[in-house]
C-alpha atoms as a PDB file:
ATOM      1  CA  MET A   1       0.000   0.000   0.000  1.00  0.00           C
ATOM      2  CA  ALA A   2       1.315   3.417  -0.945  1.00  0.00           C
ATOM      3  CA  SER A   3       2.226   5.774   1.878  1.00  0.00           C
ATOM      4  CA  PHE A   4       0.707   9.228   2.230  1.00  0.00           C
ATOM      5  CA  ALA A   5       3.939  10.770   0.921  1.00  0.00           C
ATOM      6  CA  GLN A   6       3.788   8.527  -2.155  1.00  0.00           C
ATOM      7  CA  TRP A   7       0.180   9.535  -2.809  1.00  0.00           C
ATOM      8  CA  VAL A   8       1.275  13.175  -2.622  1.00  0.00           C
ATOM      9  CA  GLN A   9       4.081  12.405  -5.074  1.00  0.00           C
ATOM     10  CA  GLY A  10       1.568  10.680  -7.332  1.00  0.00           C
ATOM     11  CA  ALA A  11      -0.476  13.890  -7.423  1.00  0.00           C
ATOM     12  CA  ARG A  12       2.638  15.513  -8.951  1.00  0.00           C
ATOM     13  CA  PRO A  13       2.823  18.704  -6.866  1.00  0.00           C
ATOM     14  CA  ARG A  14       5.363  20.199  -9.301  1.00  0.00           C
ATOM     15  CA  THR A  15       2.453  20.715 -11.711  1.00  0.00           C
ATOM     16  CA  LEU A  16       0.351  22.730  -9.235  1.00  0.00           C
ATOM     17  CA  PRO A  17       1.608  26.080 -10.612  1.00  0.00           C
ATOM     18  CA  ASN A  18      -0.178  25.108 -13.839  1.00  0.00           C
ATOM     19  CA  ALA A  19      -3.408  25.379 -11.849  1.00  0.00           C
ATOM     20  CA  VAL A  20      -2.611  28.239  -9.474  1.00  0.00           C
ATOM     21  CA  ALA A  21      -0.879  30.715 -11.814  1.00  0.00           C
ATOM     22  CA  PRO A  22      -3.715  30.956 -14.391  1.00  0.00           C
ATOM     23  CA  VAL A  23      -6.225  31.749 -11.633  1.00  0.00           C
ATOM     24  CA  ILE A  24      -3.937  34.482 -10.312  1.00  0.00           C
ATOM     25  CA  ALA A  25      -3.540  35.856 -13.835  1.00  0.00           C
ATOM     26  CA  GLY A  26      -7.286  35.714 -14.495  1.00  0.00           C
ATOM     27  CA  THR A  27      -8.017  37.483 -11.215  1.00  0.00           C
ATOM     28  CA  GLY A  28      -5.506  40.177 -12.163  1.00  0.00           C
ATOM     29  CA  ALA A  29      -7.306  40.578 -15.494  1.00  0.00           C
ATOM     30  CA  ALA A  30     -10.607  40.913 -13.606  1.00  0.00           C
ATOM     31  CA  ALA A  31      -9.008  43.510 -11.317  1.00  0.00           C
ATOM     32  CA  TRP A  32      -8.016  45.452 -14.445  1.00  0.00           C
ATOM     33  CA  LEU A  33     -11.762  45.656 -15.156  1.00  0.00           C
ATOM     34  CA  ASP A  34     -12.409  46.668 -11.537  1.00  0.00           C
ATOM     35  CA  ALA A  35     -14.334  43.461 -10.948  1.00  0.00           C
ATOM     36  CA  ALA A  36     -12.064  41.196  -8.886  1.00  0.00           C
ATOM     37  CA  SER A  37     -13.888  38.934  -6.418  1.00  0.00           C
ATOM     38  CA  TRP A  38     -11.799  37.044  -3.869  1.00  0.00           C
ATOM     39  CA  TRP A  39     -14.364  34.337  -3.159  1.00  0.00           C
ATOM     40  CA  ARG A  40     -14.974  33.643  -6.853  1.00  0.00           C
ATOM     41  CA  ALA A  41     -11.193  33.486  -7.276  1.00  0.00           C
ATOM     42  CA  LEU A  42     -11.021  30.900  -4.473  1.00  0.00           C
ATOM     43  CA  LEU A  43     -13.733  28.816  -6.131  1.00  0.00           C
ATOM     44  CA  ALA A  44     -11.868  28.986  -9.444  1.00  0.00           C
ATOM     45  CA  LEU A  45      -8.696  27.951  -7.630  1.00  0.00           C
ATOM     46  CA  ALA A  46     -10.476  24.964  -6.091  1.00  0.00           C
ATOM     47  CA  VAL A  47     -11.662  23.909  -9.552  1.00  0.00           C
ATOM     48  CA  ALA A  48      -8.211  24.260 -11.092  1.00  0.00           C
ATOM     49  CA  VAL A  49      -6.305  22.456  -8.334  1.00  0.00           C
ATOM     50  CA  ALA A  50      -8.814  19.611  -8.090  1.00  0.00           C
ATOM     51  CA  PHE A  51      -8.783  19.144 -11.863  1.00  0.00           C
ATOM     52  CA  ILE A  52      -4.999  19.068 -12.171  1.00  0.00           C
ATOM     53  CA  VAL A  53      -4.710  16.551  -9.333  1.00  0.00           C
ATOM     54  CA  GLY A  54      -7.468  14.535 -10.979  1.00  0.00           C
ATOM     55  CA  VAL A  55      -5.791  14.532 -14.382  1.00  0.00           C
ATOM     56  CA  ASN A  56      -2.479  13.516 -12.800  1.00  0.00           C
ATOM     57  CA  TYR A  57      -4.054  10.536 -11.070  1.00  0.00           C
ATOM     58  CA  ALA A  58      -6.002   9.701 -14.241  1.00  0.00           C
ATOM     59  CA  ASN A  59      -2.755   9.717 -16.225  1.00  0.00           C
ATOM     60  CA  ASP A  60      -1.109   7.540 -13.570  1.00  0.00           C
ATOM     61  CA  TYR A  61      -3.969   5.042 -13.860  1.00  0.00           C
ATOM     62  CA  SER A  62      -4.248   4.993 -17.653  1.00  0.00           C
ATOM     63  CA  ASP A  63      -0.499   4.932 -18.349  1.00  0.00           C
ATOM     64  CA  GLY A  64      -0.044   2.325 -15.624  1.00  0.00           C
ATOM     65  CA  ILE A  65      -2.547  -0.179 -16.981  1.00  0.00           C
ATOM     66  CA  ARG A  66      -1.088   0.264 -20.475  1.00  0.00           C
ATOM     67  CA  GLY A  67       2.432  -0.443 -19.224  1.00  0.00           C
ATOM     68  CA  THR A  68       3.711   2.947 -20.364  1.00  0.00           C
ATOM     69  CA  ASP A  69       5.255   3.606 -16.931  1.00  0.00           C
ATOM     70  CA  ASP A  70       6.968   0.231 -16.516  1.00  0.00           C
ATOM     71  CA  VAL A  71      10.281   1.960 -17.275  1.00  0.00           C
ATOM     72  CA  ARG A  72      10.283   5.523 -15.952  1.00  0.00           C
ATOM     73  CA  VAL A  73      12.826   8.268 -15.304  1.00  0.00           C
ATOM     74  CA  GLY A  74      10.569  10.930 -13.790  1.00  0.00           C
ATOM     75  CA  PRO A  75       8.620  11.189 -10.505  1.00  0.00           C
ATOM     76  CA  VAL A  76       7.044   8.048  -9.115  1.00  0.00           C
ATOM     77  CA  ARG A  77       3.878   6.679 -10.680  1.00  0.00           C
ATOM     78  CA  LEU A  78       1.700   4.706  -8.303  1.00  0.00           C
ATOM     79  CA  VAL A  79       0.338   2.102 -10.695  1.00  0.00           C
ATOM     80  CA  GLY A  80       3.505   1.716 -12.769  1.00  0.00           C
ATOM     81  CA  ALA A  81       5.618   1.220  -9.638  1.00  0.00           C
ATOM     82  CA  LYS A  82       2.961  -1.118  -8.182  1.00  0.00           C
ATOM     83  CA  LEU A  83       2.628   1.049  -5.093  1.00  0.00           C
ATOM     84  CA  ALA A  84      -1.167   1.229  -5.387  1.00  0.00           C
ATOM     85  CA  SER A  85      -3.798  -0.741  -7.252  1.00  0.00           C
ATOM     86  CA  PRO A  86      -5.203   0.645 -10.503  1.00  0.00           C
ATOM     87  CA  ARG A  87      -8.637   0.726  -8.899  1.00  0.00           C
ATOM     88  CA  ALA A  88      -7.409   2.865  -5.981  1.00  0.00           C
ATOM     89  CA  VAL A  89      -5.685   5.360  -8.293  1.00  0.00           C
ATOM     90  CA  ARG A  90      -8.728   5.502 -10.580  1.00  0.00           C
ATOM     91  CA  THR A  91     -10.888   6.235  -7.530  1.00  0.00           C
ATOM     92  CA  ALA A  92      -8.525   9.031  -6.478  1.00  0.00           C
ATOM     93  CA  ALA A  93      -8.820  10.514  -9.972  1.00  0.00           C
ATOM     94  CA  VAL A  94     -12.624  10.332  -9.956  1.00  0.00           C
ATOM     95  CA  VAL A  95     -12.874  11.859  -6.467  1.00  0.00           C
ATOM     96  CA  SER A  96     -10.532  14.720  -7.400  1.00  0.00           C
ATOM     97  CA  LEU A  97     -12.447  15.472 -10.587  1.00  0.00           C
ATOM     98  CA  ALA A  98     -15.734  15.291  -8.653  1.00  0.00           C
ATOM     99  CA  VAL A  99     -14.458  17.844  -6.121  1.00  0.00           C
ATOM    100  CA  GLY A 100     -13.539  20.117  -9.015  1.00  0.00           C
ATOM    101  CA  ALA A 101     -16.967  19.580 -10.563  1.00  0.00           C
ATOM    102  CA  VAL A 102     -18.758  20.570  -7.343  1.00  0.00           C
ATOM    103  CA  ALA A 103     -16.666  23.746  -7.038  1.00  0.00           C
ATOM    104  CA  GLY A 104     -17.333  24.422 -10.718  1.00  0.00           C
ATOM    105  CA  LEU A 105     -21.083  24.029 -10.249  1.00  0.00           C
ATOM    106  CA  ALA A 106     -20.991  26.569  -7.426  1.00  0.00           C
ATOM    107  CA  LEU A 107     -18.996  28.965  -9.595  1.00  0.00           C
ATOM    108  CA  ALA A 108     -21.446  28.540 -12.479  1.00  0.00           C
ATOM    109  CA  TRP A 109     -24.393  29.093 -10.129  1.00  0.00           C
ATOM    110  CA  PHE A 110     -23.043  32.512  -9.171  1.00  0.00           C
ATOM    111  CA  SER A 111     -22.054  33.499 -12.721  1.00  0.00           C
ATOM    112  CA  VAL A 112     -23.597  31.843 -15.799  1.00  0.00           C
ATOM    113  CA  PRO A 113     -25.040  28.303 -16.133  1.00  0.00           C
ATOM    114  CA  TRP A 114     -23.427  27.563 -19.507  1.00  0.00           C
ATOM    115  CA  LEU A 115     -20.078  27.283 -17.731  1.00  0.00           C
ATOM    116  CA  ILE A 116     -21.274  23.837 -16.633  1.00  0.00           C
ATOM    117  CA  ALA A 117     -20.799  22.692 -20.227  1.00  0.00           C
ATOM    118  CA  VAL A 118     -17.258  24.083 -20.213  1.00  0.00           C
ATOM    119  CA  GLY A 119     -16.553  22.141 -17.030  1.00  0.00           C
ATOM    120  CA  ALA A 120     -17.876  18.950 -18.595  1.00  0.00           C
ATOM    121  CA  VAL A 121     -15.525  19.410 -21.554  1.00  0.00           C
ATOM    122  CA  CYS A 122     -12.622  19.960 -19.138  1.00  0.00           C
ATOM    123  CA  ILE A 123     -13.404  16.733 -17.286  1.00  0.00           C
ATOM    124  CA  ALA A 124     -13.617  14.823 -20.562  1.00  0.00           C
ATOM    125  CA  GLY A 125     -10.317  16.350 -21.657  1.00  0.00           C
ATOM    126  CA  ALA A 126      -8.695  15.367 -18.357  1.00  0.00           C
ATOM    127  CA  TRP A 127      -9.758  11.737 -18.652  1.00  0.00           C
ATOM    128  CA  LEU A 128      -9.189  11.234 -22.374  1.00  0.00           C
ATOM    129  CA  TYR A 129      -5.661  12.687 -22.319  1.00  0.00           C
ATOM    130  CA  THR A 130      -4.289   9.217 -21.628  1.00  0.00           C
ATOM    131  CA  GLY A 131      -7.561   7.336 -21.048  1.00  0.00           C
ATOM    132  CA  GLY A 132     -10.031   5.705 -23.401  1.00  0.00           C
ATOM    133  CA  SER A 133      -9.325   3.665 -26.514  1.00  0.00           C
ATOM    134  CA  LYS A 134      -7.693   6.532 -28.428  1.00  0.00           C
ATOM    135  CA  PRO A 135      -5.997   8.898 -25.946  1.00  0.00           C
ATOM    136  CA  TYR A 136      -5.071  12.178 -27.590  1.00  0.00           C
ATOM    137  CA  GLY A 137      -1.949  12.478 -25.436  1.00  0.00           C
ATOM    138  CA  TYR A 138      -0.564   9.502 -27.373  1.00  0.00           C
ATOM    139  CA  ARG A 139      -1.068  11.387 -30.639  1.00  0.00           C
ATOM    140  CA  GLY A 140       1.005  14.461 -29.910  1.00  0.00           C
ATOM    141  CA  LEU A 141      -1.949  16.678 -28.951  1.00  0.00           C
ATOM    142  CA  GLY A 142      -1.188  17.074 -25.257  1.00  0.00           C
ATOM    143  CA  GLU A 143       0.475  20.469 -25.541  1.00  0.00           C
ATOM    144  CA  ILE A 144      -2.461  21.888 -27.490  1.00  0.00           C
ATOM    145  CA  ALA A 145      -4.889  20.646 -24.849  1.00  0.00           C
ATOM    146  CA  VAL A 146      -2.787  22.102 -22.032  1.00  0.00           C
ATOM    147  CA  PHE A 147      -2.622  25.453 -23.832  1.00  0.00           C
ATOM    148  CA  VAL A 148      -6.412  25.470 -24.184  1.00  0.00           C
ATOM    149  CA  PHE A 149      -7.405  24.176 -20.734  1.00  0.00           C
ATOM    150  CA  PHE A 150      -4.682  25.666 -18.505  1.00  0.00           C
ATOM    151  CA  GLY A 151      -4.266  28.798 -20.582  1.00  0.00           C
ATOM    152  CA  LEU A 152      -7.334  30.017 -22.438  1.00  0.00           C
ATOM    153  CA  VAL A 153     -10.043  28.329 -20.364  1.00  0.00           C
ATOM    154  CA  ALA A 154      -8.418  28.813 -16.951  1.00  0.00           C
ATOM    155  CA  VAL A 155      -7.446  32.476 -17.348  1.00  0.00           C
ATOM    156  CA  LEU A 156     -10.423  33.704 -19.360  1.00  0.00           C
ATOM    157  CA  GLY A 157     -12.798  31.552 -17.314  1.00  0.00           C
ATOM    158  CA  THR A 158     -11.475  33.094 -14.101  1.00  0.00           C
ATOM    159  CA  GLN A 159     -11.770  36.600 -15.524  1.00  0.00           C
ATOM    160  CA  TYR A 160     -15.268  35.951 -16.875  1.00  0.00           C
ATOM    161  CA  THR A 161     -16.689  34.504 -13.642  1.00  0.00           C
ATOM    162  CA  GLN A 162     -15.621  37.674 -11.839  1.00  0.00           C
ATOM    163  CA  ALA A 163     -16.164  40.387 -14.451  1.00  0.00           C
ATOM    164  CA  LEU A 164     -18.794  38.641 -16.639  1.00  0.00           C
ATOM    165  CA  ARG A 165     -16.711  39.598 -19.674  1.00  0.00           C
ATOM    166  CA  VAL A 166     -13.219  39.129 -21.056  1.00  0.00           C
ATOM    167  CA  ASP A 167     -10.897  41.575 -22.779  1.00  0.00           C
ATOM    168  CA  TRP A 168      -7.565  41.748 -24.585  1.00  0.00           C
ATOM    169  CA  VAL A 169      -5.607  41.910 -21.321  1.00  0.00           C
ATOM    170  CA  GLY A 170      -7.125  38.624 -20.228  1.00  0.00           C
ATOM    171  CA  ALA A 171      -6.464  37.143 -23.671  1.00  0.00           C
ATOM    172  CA  LEU A 172      -2.769  38.068 -23.523  1.00  0.00           C
ATOM    173  CA  LEU A 173      -2.425  36.594 -20.055  1.00  0.00           C
ATOM    174  CA  ALA A 174      -4.214  33.462 -21.266  1.00  0.00           C
ATOM    175  CA  VAL A 175      -1.628  33.107 -24.047  1.00  0.00           C
ATOM    176  CA  ALA A 176       1.228  33.622 -21.576  1.00  0.00           C
ATOM    177  CA  MET A 177      -0.113  31.041 -19.128  1.00  0.00           C
ATOM    178  CA  GLY A 178      -0.945  28.640 -21.930  1.00  0.00           C
ATOM    179  CA  CYS A 179       2.590  28.859 -23.309  1.00  0.00           C
ATOM    180  CA  LEU A 180       4.208  28.298 -19.915  1.00  0.00           C
ATOM    181  CA  SER A 181       1.841  25.434 -19.049  1.00  0.00           C
ATOM    182  CA  SER A 182       2.634  23.820 -22.389  1.00  0.00           C
ATOM    183  CA  ALA A 183       6.347  24.366 -21.733  1.00  0.00           C
ATOM    184  CA  VAL A 184       6.052  22.293 -18.545  1.00  0.00           C
ATOM    185  CA  LEU A 185       4.592  19.415 -20.557  1.00  0.00           C
ATOM    186  CA  VAL A 186       7.184  19.841 -23.314  1.00  0.00           C
ATOM    187  CA  ALA A 187       9.976  19.538 -20.723  1.00  0.00           C
ATOM    188  CA  ASN A 188       8.292  16.489 -19.212  1.00  0.00           C
ATOM    189  CA  ASN A 189       7.942  14.808 -22.606  1.00  0.00           C
ATOM    190  CA  LEU A 190      11.468  15.798 -23.653  1.00  0.00           C
ATOM    191  CA  ARG A 191      12.763  13.860 -20.651  1.00  0.00           C
ATOM    192  CA  ASP A 192      10.605  10.865 -21.552  1.00  0.00           C
ATOM    193  CA  ILE A 193      11.370  10.640 -25.301  1.00  0.00           C
ATOM    194  CA  PRO A 194      13.340   7.362 -25.057  1.00  0.00           C
ATOM    195  CA  THR A 195      10.836   5.539 -22.819  1.00  0.00           C
ATOM    196  CA  ASP A 196       7.762   6.967 -24.581  1.00  0.00           C
ATOM    197  CA  ARG A 197       9.111   5.896 -27.971  1.00  0.00           C
ATOM    198  CA  GLN A 198       9.804   2.438 -26.597  1.00  0.00           C
ATOM    199  CA  SER A 199       6.297   2.086 -25.141  1.00  0.00           C
ATOM    200  CA  GLY A 200       4.529   3.473 -28.231  1.00  0.00           C
ATOM    201  CA  LYS A 201       3.431   6.754 -26.655  1.00  0.00           C
ATOM    202  CA  ILE A 202       3.811   9.164 -29.576  1.00  0.00           C
ATOM    203  CA  THR A 203       3.956  12.543 -27.867  1.00  0.00           C
ATOM    204  CA  LEU A 204       4.754  15.769 -29.672  1.00  0.00           C
ATOM    205  CA  ALA A 205       8.320  15.464 -28.358  1.00  0.00           C
ATOM    206  CA  VAL A 206       8.634  12.005 -29.914  1.00  0.00           C
ATOM    207  CA  ARG A 207       7.354  13.384 -33.213  1.00  0.00           C
ATOM    208  CA  LEU A 208       9.663  16.408 -33.213  1.00  0.00           C
ATOM    209  CA  GLY A 209      12.744  14.712 -31.847  1.00  0.00           C
ATOM    210  CA  ASP A 210      15.141  15.930 -29.177  1.00  0.00           C
ATOM    211  CA  ALA A 211      16.631  19.013 -30.868  1.00  0.00           C
ATOM    212  CA  ARG A 212      13.389  20.543 -32.116  1.00  0.00           C
ATOM    213  CA  THR A 213      11.627  19.844 -28.820  1.00  0.00           C
ATOM    214  CA  ARG A 214      14.297  21.856 -27.017  1.00  0.00           C
ATOM    215  CA  LYS A 215      13.726  24.748 -29.423  1.00  0.00           C
ATOM    216  CA  LEU A 216       9.963  24.515 -28.881  1.00  0.00           C
ATOM    217  CA  TYR A 217      10.392  24.754 -25.106  1.00  0.00           C
ATOM    218  CA  GLN A 218      12.521  27.886 -25.381  1.00  0.00           C
ATOM    219  CA  ALA A 219      10.113  29.466 -27.895  1.00  0.00           C
ATOM    220  CA  LEU A 220       7.126  28.911 -25.599  1.00  0.00           C
ATOM    221  CA  VAL A 221       8.880  30.536 -22.644  1.00  0.00           C
ATOM    222  CA  ALA A 222      10.053  33.460 -24.800  1.00  0.00           C
ATOM    223  CA  VAL A 223       6.547  34.113 -26.171  1.00  0.00           C
ATOM    224  CA  ALA A 224       5.080  34.061 -22.655  1.00  0.00           C
ATOM    225  CA  LEU A 225       7.550  36.637 -21.338  1.00  0.00           C
ATOM    226  CA  ALA A 226       7.195  38.779 -24.467  1.00  0.00           C
ATOM    227  CA  THR A 227       3.518  39.401 -23.656  1.00  0.00           C
ATOM    228  CA  VAL A 228       4.656  42.068 -21.169  1.00  0.00           C
ATOM    229  CA  ILE A 229       5.356  44.321 -24.177  1.00  0.00           C
ATOM    230  CA  PRO A 230       1.724  44.663 -25.339  1.00  0.00           C
ATOM    231  CA  LEU A 231       0.524  44.448 -21.712  1.00  0.00           C
ATOM    232  CA  ALA A 232       2.508  47.621 -21.061  1.00  0.00           C
ATOM    233  CA  TRP A 233      -0.124  49.429 -23.152  1.00  0.00           C
ATOM    234  CA  ALA A 234      -2.566  48.653 -20.349  1.00  0.00           C
ATOM    235  CA  THR A 235      -0.162  49.800 -17.657  1.00  0.00           C
ATOM    236  CA  PRO A 236       3.613  50.303 -17.716  1.00  0.00           C
ATOM    237  CA  TRP A 237       3.698  48.448 -14.397  1.00  0.00           C
ATOM    238  CA  ALA A 238       3.041  45.225 -16.322  1.00  0.00           C
ATOM    239  CA  ALA A 239       6.768  45.235 -17.069  1.00  0.00           C
ATOM    240  CA  ALA A 240       7.068  43.877 -13.527  1.00  0.00           C
ATOM    241  CA  GLY A 241       6.408  40.510 -15.136  1.00  0.00           C
ATOM    242  CA  LEU A 242      10.044  40.514 -16.213  1.00  0.00           C
ATOM    243  CA  VAL A 243      11.027  39.672 -12.629  1.00  0.00           C
ATOM    244  CA  ALA A 244      10.272  36.117 -13.785  1.00  0.00           C
ATOM    245  CA  LEU A 245      13.148  36.278 -16.287  1.00  0.00           C
ATOM    246  CA  PRO A 246      15.836  34.868 -13.921  1.00  0.00           C
ATOM    247  CA  PHE A 247      13.566  31.915 -13.129  1.00  0.00           C
ATOM    248  CA  ALA A 248      12.999  31.356 -16.847  1.00  0.00           C
ATOM    249  CA  VAL A 249      16.727  31.452 -17.552  1.00  0.00           C
ATOM    250  CA  ARG A 250      17.371  28.905 -14.801  1.00  0.00           C
ATOM    251  CA  ALA A 251      14.537  26.693 -16.065  1.00  0.00           C
ATOM    252  CA  ALA A 252      15.817  26.730 -19.638  1.00  0.00           C
ATOM    253  CA  ALA A 253      19.478  26.109 -18.784  1.00  0.00           C
ATOM    254  CA  PRO A 254      19.293  22.275 -18.741  1.00  0.00           C
ATOM    255  CA  VAL A 255      17.220  22.325 -21.928  1.00  0.00           C
ATOM    256  CA  ARG A 256      19.690  24.591 -23.759  1.00  0.00           C
ATOM    257  CA  SER A 257      22.719  22.630 -22.578  1.00  0.00           C
ATOM    258  CA  GLY A 258      21.416  19.331 -23.921  1.00  0.00           C
ATOM    259  CA  ARG A 259      20.868  17.570 -20.624  1.00  0.00           C
ATOM    260  CA  GLY A 260      18.509  14.625 -20.482  1.00  0.00           C
ATOM    261  CA  GLY A 261      16.854  12.085 -18.218  1.00  0.00           C
ATOM    262  CA  ALA A 262      16.650  12.918 -14.530  1.00  0.00           C
ATOM    263  CA  GLU A 263      18.642  16.124 -15.103  1.00  0.00           C
ATOM    264  CA  LEU A 264      15.530  17.603 -16.744  1.00  0.00           C
ATOM    265  CA  ILE A 265      13.281  17.053 -13.727  1.00  0.00           C
ATOM    266  CA  PRO A 266      14.139  20.463 -12.143  1.00  0.00           C
ATOM    267  CA  VAL A 267      12.983  22.141 -15.363  1.00  0.00           C
ATOM    268  CA  LEU A 268       9.365  21.345 -14.441  1.00  0.00           C
ATOM    269  CA  ARG A 269       9.761  22.983 -11.026  1.00  0.00           C
ATOM    270  CA  ASP A 270      11.555  26.059 -12.358  1.00  0.00           C
ATOM    271  CA  THR A 271       9.110  26.553 -15.238  1.00  0.00           C
ATOM    272  CA  GLY A 272       6.295  26.383 -12.697  1.00  0.00           C
ATOM    273  CA  LEU A 273       8.031  29.006 -10.568  1.00  0.00           C
ATOM    274  CA  THR A 274       8.377  31.182 -13.673  1.00  0.00           C
ATOM    275  CA  MET A 275       4.617  30.917 -14.169  1.00  0.00           C
ATOM    276  CA  LEU A 276       3.811  31.827 -10.586  1.00  0.00           C
ATOM    277  CA  VAL A 277       6.172  34.790 -10.405  1.00  0.00           C
ATOM    278  CA  PHE A 278       5.047  36.131 -13.789  1.00  0.00           C
ATOM    279  CA  ALA A 279       1.340  35.762 -12.998  1.00  0.00           C
ATOM    280  CA  LEU A 280       1.629  37.298  -9.537  1.00  0.00           C
ATOM    281  CA  ALA A 281       3.748  40.256 -10.687  1.00  0.00           C
ATOM    282  CA  VAL A 282       1.481  41.140 -13.598  1.00  0.00           C
ATOM    283  CA  ALA A 283      -1.708  40.582 -11.568  1.00  0.00           C
ATOM    284  CA  VAL A 284      -0.505  42.965  -8.866  1.00  0.00           C
ATOM    285  CA  ALA A 285       0.488  45.500 -11.530  1.00  0.00           C
ATOM    286  CA  LEU A 286      -2.967  45.357 -13.090  1.00  0.00           C
ATOM    287  CA  ALA A 287      -4.669  45.659  -9.726  1.00  0.00           C
ATOM    288  CA  VAL A 288      -2.734  48.683  -8.472  1.00  0.00           C
ATOM    289  CA  ARG A 289      -1.957  50.351 -11.860  1.00  0.00           C
END
């Protein structure tokens, strides 16, 4: 039986910035419209965190029963390492997604009912990433899905539930968060190219190959940070987002230098920190402008 610490590891806490940062960014965009609501932001945060934990457990379950994680370099997988039964991990995924759904229903109740449909699509996307008979994560579409769900949907959804509209500031922040969230997955899949290719998991990194995947990672980070230029039209204080640059440089260093395997694991953490620092700095700038 897996220990509590192993269950926490299985939830992949290094990916939590992918959930937290977009909500911060979306709340900053709502503050720009003078419509920030702390309790709606907390509900959106509950949705995002529960969903990302749910998708991580769902991936653990689906990859584990397929044998994809039998040989693994990255953080522990519960099913692949035989630390927990597939049924237990599947239950953890369902419970996490259900918690997110309940928080999402409450958020939709206080904003607009059609957001329930958006939540249903998010849950389907979470499960079908590596689950089902034809998982889209095995076809090189994972980065696109992450850009949409943890960029566009998370940021603009957060802004909309507070301000009941979205604008170009929110859209730019959605692009920035989507790029950085996708960069986390690109780094993860770059590390796993050898084992994914061996197991038949055809990620975008497997399709592009090592060299082009490294270029893609750096391009995504660069585009995200470059959004401070047009955001400066909203307020010059948005340039504060550049305080994330040192974190981005540190995150990209192993990618640029050609490191592989376990040496790429810190890239996920440092890219997540880049997201958090960027989102927080720009959100504060938009709020106090």
